[in-house]
């Protein structure tokens, strides 16, 4: 399979999970009046079959969402061909899309842009 097509497919899959998490974040903010500073998100890896759940702080979620090239993934779900791990936390990693097609797709599909 063409490498650019693979990168595009992965990017679109990750963008879908990011959109789901944006909706989860909105609900979490509504419920955060209970004093819980965390939220559950779906792993934003490129595997459409992945249903791994991650617990992240609302502050970390907002920080990652401020950069369209950053995504939350379960440790071990990183794809070195299209991204690099930039931060490791207990229970999740934050990855940055590599420049070129992966980063372009991440920016193009950013729901906050």
N, C-alpha and C. Protein backbone atom coordinates (compact mmCIF):
# COMPACT_ATOMS: atom_id res chain seq x y z
N UNK A 1 0.84 -1.18 0.00
CA UNK A 1 0.00 0.00 0.00
C UNK A 1 0.88 1.24 0.00
N UNK A 2 0.48 2.25 -0.72
CA UNK A 2 1.21 3.50 -0.82
C UNK A 2 1.35 4.13 0.57
N UNK A 3 2.58 4.55 0.92
CA UNK A 3 2.85 5.10 2.25
C UNK A 3 2.00 6.33 2.54
N UNK A 4 1.78 7.20 1.54
CA UNK A 4 0.98 8.40 1.77
C UNK A 4 -0.48 8.04 2.02
N UNK A 5 -0.98 6.97 1.37
CA UNK A 5 -2.36 6.53 1.62
C UNK A 5 -2.50 5.96 3.03
N UNK A 6 -1.48 5.23 3.47
CA UNK A 6 -1.50 4.69 4.83
C UNK A 6 -1.48 5.83 5.84
N UNK A 7 -0.62 6.82 5.63
CA UNK A 7 -0.54 7.96 6.54
C UNK A 7 -1.87 8.71 6.55
N UNK A 8 -2.50 8.83 5.41
CA UNK A 8 -3.79 9.53 5.35
C UNK A 8 -4.86 8.75 6.09
N UNK A 9 -4.91 7.44 5.91
CA UNK A 9 -5.90 6.60 6.59
C UNK A 9 -5.72 6.70 8.09
N UNK A 10 -4.48 6.57 8.54
CA UNK A 10 -4.19 6.67 9.98
C UNK A 10 -4.60 8.04 10.50
N UNK A 11 -4.25 9.08 9.77
CA UNK A 11 -4.59 10.43 10.19
C UNK A 11 -6.09 10.65 10.30
N UNK A 12 -6.83 10.14 9.36
CA UNK A 12 -8.29 10.29 9.39
C UNK A 12 -8.90 9.49 10.56
N UNK A 13 -8.36 8.30 10.82
CA UNK A 13 -8.83 7.51 11.96
C UNK A 13 -8.59 8.26 13.27
N UNK A 14 -7.39 8.82 13.41
CA UNK A 14 -7.05 9.54 14.63
C UNK A 14 -7.92 10.78 14.79
N UNK A 15 -8.19 11.46 13.68
CA UNK A 15 -9.04 12.65 13.72
C UNK A 15 -10.45 12.29 14.18
N UNK A 16 -10.94 11.14 13.78
CA UNK A 16 -12.27 10.70 14.21
C UNK A 16 -12.30 10.54 15.72
N UNK A 17 -11.29 9.90 16.29
CA UNK A 17 -11.25 9.72 17.74
C UNK A 17 -11.10 11.06 18.46
N UNK A 18 -10.36 11.98 17.86
CA UNK A 18 -10.22 13.31 18.47
C UNK A 18 -11.58 14.01 18.52
N UNK A 19 -12.39 13.87 17.47
CA UNK A 19 -13.72 14.47 17.46
C UNK A 19 -14.61 13.85 18.54
N UNK A 20 -14.52 12.55 18.71
CA UNK A 20 -15.28 11.87 19.77
C UNK A 20 -14.87 12.45 21.12
N UNK A 21 -13.57 12.60 21.32
CA UNK A 21 -13.08 13.11 22.61
C UNK A 21 -13.48 14.56 22.85
N UNK A 22 -13.64 15.34 21.80
CA UNK A 22 -14.13 16.71 21.97
C UNK A 22 -15.54 16.70 22.54
N UNK A 23 -16.36 15.77 22.10
CA UNK A 23 -17.72 15.66 22.63
C UNK A 23 -17.68 15.17 24.08
N UNK A 24 -16.78 14.23 24.36
CA UNK A 24 -16.63 13.73 25.73
C UNK A 24 -16.17 14.87 26.64
N UNK A 25 -15.26 15.69 26.15
CA UNK A 25 -14.74 16.80 26.94
C UNK A 25 -15.86 17.77 27.30
N UNK A 26 -16.73 18.05 26.37
CA UNK A 26 -17.84 18.95 26.64
C UNK A 26 -18.72 18.39 27.76
N UNK A 27 -19.01 17.10 27.69
CA UNK A 27 -19.80 16.46 28.75
C UNK A 27 -19.05 16.47 30.08
N UNK A 28 -17.75 16.22 30.03
CA UNK A 28 -16.94 16.19 31.25
C UNK A 28 -16.94 17.55 31.93
N UNK A 29 -16.86 18.60 31.16
CA UNK A 29 -16.89 19.96 31.73
C UNK A 29 -18.23 20.20 32.43
N UNK A 30 -19.30 19.72 31.82
CA UNK A 30 -20.62 19.88 32.42
C UNK A 30 -20.68 19.14 33.76
N UNK A 31 -20.07 17.97 33.79
CA UNK A 31 -20.10 17.15 35.00
C UNK A 31 -19.01 17.51 35.99
N UNK A 32 -18.05 18.34 35.60
CA UNK A 32 -16.91 18.63 36.46
C UNK A 32 -17.29 19.43 37.69
N UNK A 33 -18.50 19.91 37.73
CA UNK A 33 -18.95 20.60 38.94
C UNK A 33 -18.92 19.68 40.15
N UNK A 34 -18.79 18.39 39.91
CA UNK A 34 -18.68 17.43 41.00
C UNK A 34 -17.29 17.45 41.61
N UNK A 35 -16.38 18.21 41.03
CA UNK A 35 -15.04 18.33 41.58
C UNK A 35 -14.03 17.36 41.00
N UNK A 36 -14.40 16.59 39.98
CA UNK A 36 -13.48 15.63 39.38
C UNK A 36 -12.69 16.33 38.27
N UNK A 37 -11.38 16.53 38.46
CA UNK A 37 -10.58 17.24 37.46
C UNK A 37 -10.08 16.34 36.32
N UNK A 38 -10.64 15.14 36.19
CA UNK A 38 -10.20 14.23 35.13
C UNK A 38 -11.36 13.91 34.20
N UNK A 39 -11.01 13.32 33.07
CA UNK A 39 -12.01 12.86 32.13
C UNK A 39 -11.51 11.58 31.47
N UNK A 40 -12.44 10.80 30.98
CA UNK A 40 -12.11 9.59 30.23
C UNK A 40 -12.15 9.93 28.76
N UNK A 41 -11.09 9.54 28.03
CA UNK A 41 -11.05 9.75 26.59
C UNK A 41 -10.77 8.41 25.91
N UNK A 42 -11.05 8.38 24.63
CA UNK A 42 -10.76 7.21 23.81
C UNK A 42 -9.35 7.37 23.25
N UNK A 43 -8.61 6.29 23.22
CA UNK A 43 -7.28 6.30 22.61
C UNK A 43 -7.40 6.86 21.20
N UNK A 44 -6.53 7.80 20.85
CA UNK A 44 -6.60 8.45 19.55
C UNK A 44 -5.59 7.86 18.56
N UNK A 45 -5.32 6.57 18.71
CA UNK A 45 -4.38 5.92 17.79
C UNK A 45 -5.05 5.71 16.43
N UNK A 46 -4.29 5.24 15.47
CA UNK A 46 -4.79 5.07 14.12
C UNK A 46 -5.59 3.82 13.88
N UNK A 47 -5.78 2.99 14.88
CA UNK A 47 -6.51 1.73 14.73
C UNK A 47 -7.99 1.95 15.03
N UNK A 48 -8.84 1.89 13.99
CA UNK A 48 -10.28 2.10 14.17
C UNK A 48 -10.90 1.09 15.12
N UNK A 49 -10.28 -0.07 15.29
CA UNK A 49 -10.81 -1.09 16.17
C UNK A 49 -10.42 -0.89 17.64
N UNK A 50 -9.58 0.07 17.91
CA UNK A 50 -9.12 0.31 19.28
C UNK A 50 -10.24 0.98 20.09
N UNK A 51 -10.49 0.45 21.26
CA UNK A 51 -11.48 1.04 22.15
C UNK A 51 -10.88 1.31 23.54
N UNK A 52 -9.57 1.44 23.59
CA UNK A 52 -8.89 1.67 24.87
C UNK A 52 -9.32 3.01 25.45
N UNK A 53 -9.61 3.00 26.73
CA UNK A 53 -9.97 4.22 27.43
C UNK A 53 -8.79 4.74 28.22
N UNK A 54 -8.65 6.04 28.26
CA UNK A 54 -7.56 6.70 28.97
C UNK A 54 -8.15 7.72 29.93
N UNK A 55 -7.55 7.87 31.09
CA UNK A 55 -7.96 8.90 32.04
C UNK A 55 -6.92 10.01 32.00
N UNK A 56 -7.38 11.22 31.68
CA UNK A 56 -6.48 12.37 31.59
C UNK A 56 -7.08 13.53 32.39
N UNK A 57 -6.23 14.41 32.84
CA UNK A 57 -6.75 15.59 33.55
C UNK A 57 -7.35 16.53 32.52
N UNK A 58 -8.31 17.33 32.98
CA UNK A 58 -8.90 18.33 32.09
C UNK A 58 -7.83 19.31 31.62
N UNK A 59 -6.88 19.63 32.49
CA UNK A 59 -5.81 20.55 32.11
C UNK A 59 -4.93 19.96 31.01
N UNK A 60 -4.58 18.68 31.14
CA UNK A 60 -3.76 18.03 30.09
C UNK A 60 -4.54 17.96 28.79
N UNK A 61 -5.82 17.67 28.88
CA UNK A 61 -6.64 17.60 27.67
C UNK A 61 -6.62 18.94 26.94
N UNK A 62 -6.83 20.03 27.66
CA UNK A 62 -6.83 21.34 27.03
C UNK A 62 -5.46 21.69 26.45
N UNK A 63 -4.41 21.32 27.16
CA UNK A 63 -3.05 21.59 26.66
C UNK A 63 -2.80 20.86 25.35
N UNK A 64 -3.18 19.59 25.28
CA UNK A 64 -2.97 18.81 24.06
C UNK A 64 -3.84 19.34 22.93
N UNK A 65 -5.08 19.68 23.23
CA UNK A 65 -5.98 20.18 22.19
C UNK A 65 -5.56 21.54 21.65
N UNK A 66 -4.70 22.26 22.35
CA UNK A 66 -4.25 23.56 21.87
C UNK A 66 -3.28 23.43 20.69
N UNK A 67 -2.80 22.23 20.43
CA UNK A 67 -1.89 21.97 19.31
C UNK A 67 -2.49 20.87 18.46
N UNK A 68 -2.93 21.18 17.24
CA UNK A 68 -3.61 20.16 16.42
C UNK A 68 -2.76 18.95 16.05
N UNK A 69 -1.46 19.02 16.25
CA UNK A 69 -0.58 17.90 15.90
C UNK A 69 -0.40 16.91 17.05
N UNK A 70 -1.00 17.19 18.22
CA UNK A 70 -0.85 16.32 19.38
C UNK A 70 -2.08 15.44 19.58
N UNK A 71 -1.82 14.18 20.02
CA UNK A 71 -2.88 13.21 20.24
C UNK A 71 -2.54 12.36 21.47
N UNK A 72 -3.58 11.84 22.13
CA UNK A 72 -3.44 10.91 23.25
C UNK A 72 -3.49 9.48 22.72
N UNK A 73 -2.54 8.64 23.14
CA UNK A 73 -2.58 7.22 22.77
C UNK A 73 -2.21 6.37 23.98
N UNK A 74 -2.72 5.16 23.95
CA UNK A 74 -2.33 4.18 24.97
C UNK A 74 -0.87 3.79 24.71
N UNK A 75 -0.07 3.62 25.76
CA UNK A 75 1.32 3.18 25.54
C UNK A 75 1.35 1.92 24.67
N UNK A 76 2.20 1.94 23.67
CA UNK A 76 2.31 0.82 22.74
C UNK A 76 1.50 1.02 21.47
N UNK A 77 0.64 2.04 21.41
CA UNK A 77 -0.17 2.29 20.23
C UNK A 77 0.44 3.35 19.31
N UNK A 78 1.64 3.77 19.62
CA UNK A 78 2.33 4.76 18.80
C UNK A 78 2.67 4.16 17.43
N UNK A 79 2.68 5.01 16.41
CA UNK A 79 3.06 4.58 15.06
C UNK A 79 4.26 5.41 14.63
N UNK A 80 5.48 4.89 14.83
CA UNK A 80 6.70 5.67 14.59
C UNK A 80 6.82 6.24 13.18
N UNK A 81 6.15 5.63 12.20
CA UNK A 81 6.23 6.16 10.84
C UNK A 81 5.52 7.50 10.70
N UNK A 82 4.53 7.77 11.53
CA UNK A 82 3.74 8.99 11.38
C UNK A 82 3.75 9.90 12.59
N UNK A 83 4.33 9.45 13.71
CA UNK A 83 4.31 10.25 14.92
C UNK A 83 5.46 9.89 15.84
N UNK A 84 5.72 10.79 16.79
CA UNK A 84 6.74 10.52 17.80
C UNK A 84 6.16 10.82 19.18
N UNK A 85 6.58 10.05 20.17
CA UNK A 85 6.14 10.27 21.54
C UNK A 85 6.87 11.50 22.06
N UNK A 86 6.09 12.47 22.55
CA UNK A 86 6.70 13.68 23.09
C UNK A 86 6.51 13.79 24.60
N UNK A 87 5.64 12.94 25.15
CA UNK A 87 5.42 12.96 26.59
C UNK A 87 4.84 11.62 27.03
N UNK A 88 5.36 11.11 28.15
CA UNK A 88 4.85 9.86 28.71
C UNK A 88 4.26 10.14 30.08
N UNK A 89 3.03 9.74 30.25
CA UNK A 89 2.34 9.87 31.54
C UNK A 89 1.87 8.49 31.95
N UNK A 90 1.52 8.34 33.20
CA UNK A 90 0.98 7.07 33.69
C UNK A 90 -0.33 6.81 32.97
N UNK A 91 -0.38 5.76 32.17
CA UNK A 91 -1.62 5.37 31.51
C UNK A 91 -1.81 5.88 30.10
N UNK A 92 -0.99 6.84 29.67
CA UNK A 92 -1.11 7.34 28.30
C UNK A 92 0.17 8.02 27.85
N UNK A 93 0.30 8.14 26.54
CA UNK A 93 1.38 8.90 25.93
C UNK A 93 0.77 10.00 25.08
N UNK A 94 1.52 11.05 24.89
CA UNK A 94 1.13 12.11 23.97
C UNK A 94 2.09 12.03 22.79
N UNK A 95 1.51 11.97 21.58
CA UNK A 95 2.32 11.88 20.38
C UNK A 95 2.11 13.12 19.52
N UNK A 96 3.15 13.46 18.77
CA UNK A 96 3.09 14.57 17.82
C UNK A 96 3.22 14.00 16.41
N UNK A 97 2.33 14.41 15.53
CA UNK A 97 2.38 13.97 14.14
C UNK A 97 3.64 14.50 13.48
N UNK A 98 4.24 13.68 12.66
CA UNK A 98 5.43 14.10 11.92
C UNK A 98 5.02 15.09 10.83
N UNK A 99 5.96 15.93 10.44
CA UNK A 99 5.67 16.91 9.40
C UNK A 99 5.34 16.20 8.09
N UNK A 100 4.64 16.90 7.23
CA UNK A 100 4.18 16.31 5.97
C UNK A 100 2.73 15.89 6.10
N UNK A 101 2.38 14.81 5.44
CA UNK A 101 0.98 14.35 5.40
C UNK A 101 0.38 14.15 6.79
N UNK A 102 1.04 13.48 7.74
CA UNK A 102 0.41 13.29 9.05
C UNK A 102 0.04 14.60 9.74
N UNK A 103 0.96 15.56 9.74
CA UNK A 103 0.70 16.84 10.40
C UNK A 103 -0.35 17.65 9.63
N UNK A 104 -0.32 17.58 8.31
CA UNK A 104 -1.30 18.30 7.49
C UNK A 104 -2.72 17.81 7.76
N UNK A 105 -2.88 16.50 7.84
CA UNK A 105 -4.21 15.92 8.10
C UNK A 105 -4.66 16.31 9.50
N UNK A 106 -3.76 16.24 10.47
CA UNK A 106 -4.11 16.60 11.85
C UNK A 106 -4.59 18.05 11.92
N UNK A 107 -3.93 18.93 11.23
CA UNK A 107 -4.31 20.35 11.23
C UNK A 107 -5.62 20.55 10.48
N UNK A 108 -5.74 19.92 9.34
CA UNK A 108 -6.95 20.06 8.50
C UNK A 108 -8.21 19.57 9.20
N UNK A 109 -8.08 18.54 10.04
CA UNK A 109 -9.25 17.94 10.68
C UNK A 109 -9.44 18.41 12.12
N UNK A 110 -8.66 19.40 12.56
CA UNK A 110 -8.76 19.88 13.93
C UNK A 110 -10.13 20.53 14.17
N UNK A 111 -10.94 19.97 15.06
CA UNK A 111 -12.27 20.54 15.29
C UNK A 111 -12.25 21.92 15.95
N UNK A 112 -11.12 22.32 16.47
CA UNK A 112 -11.02 23.64 17.12
C UNK A 112 -10.49 24.72 16.19
N UNK A 113 -10.22 24.36 14.97
CA UNK A 113 -9.70 25.37 14.02
C UNK A 113 -10.82 26.01 13.23
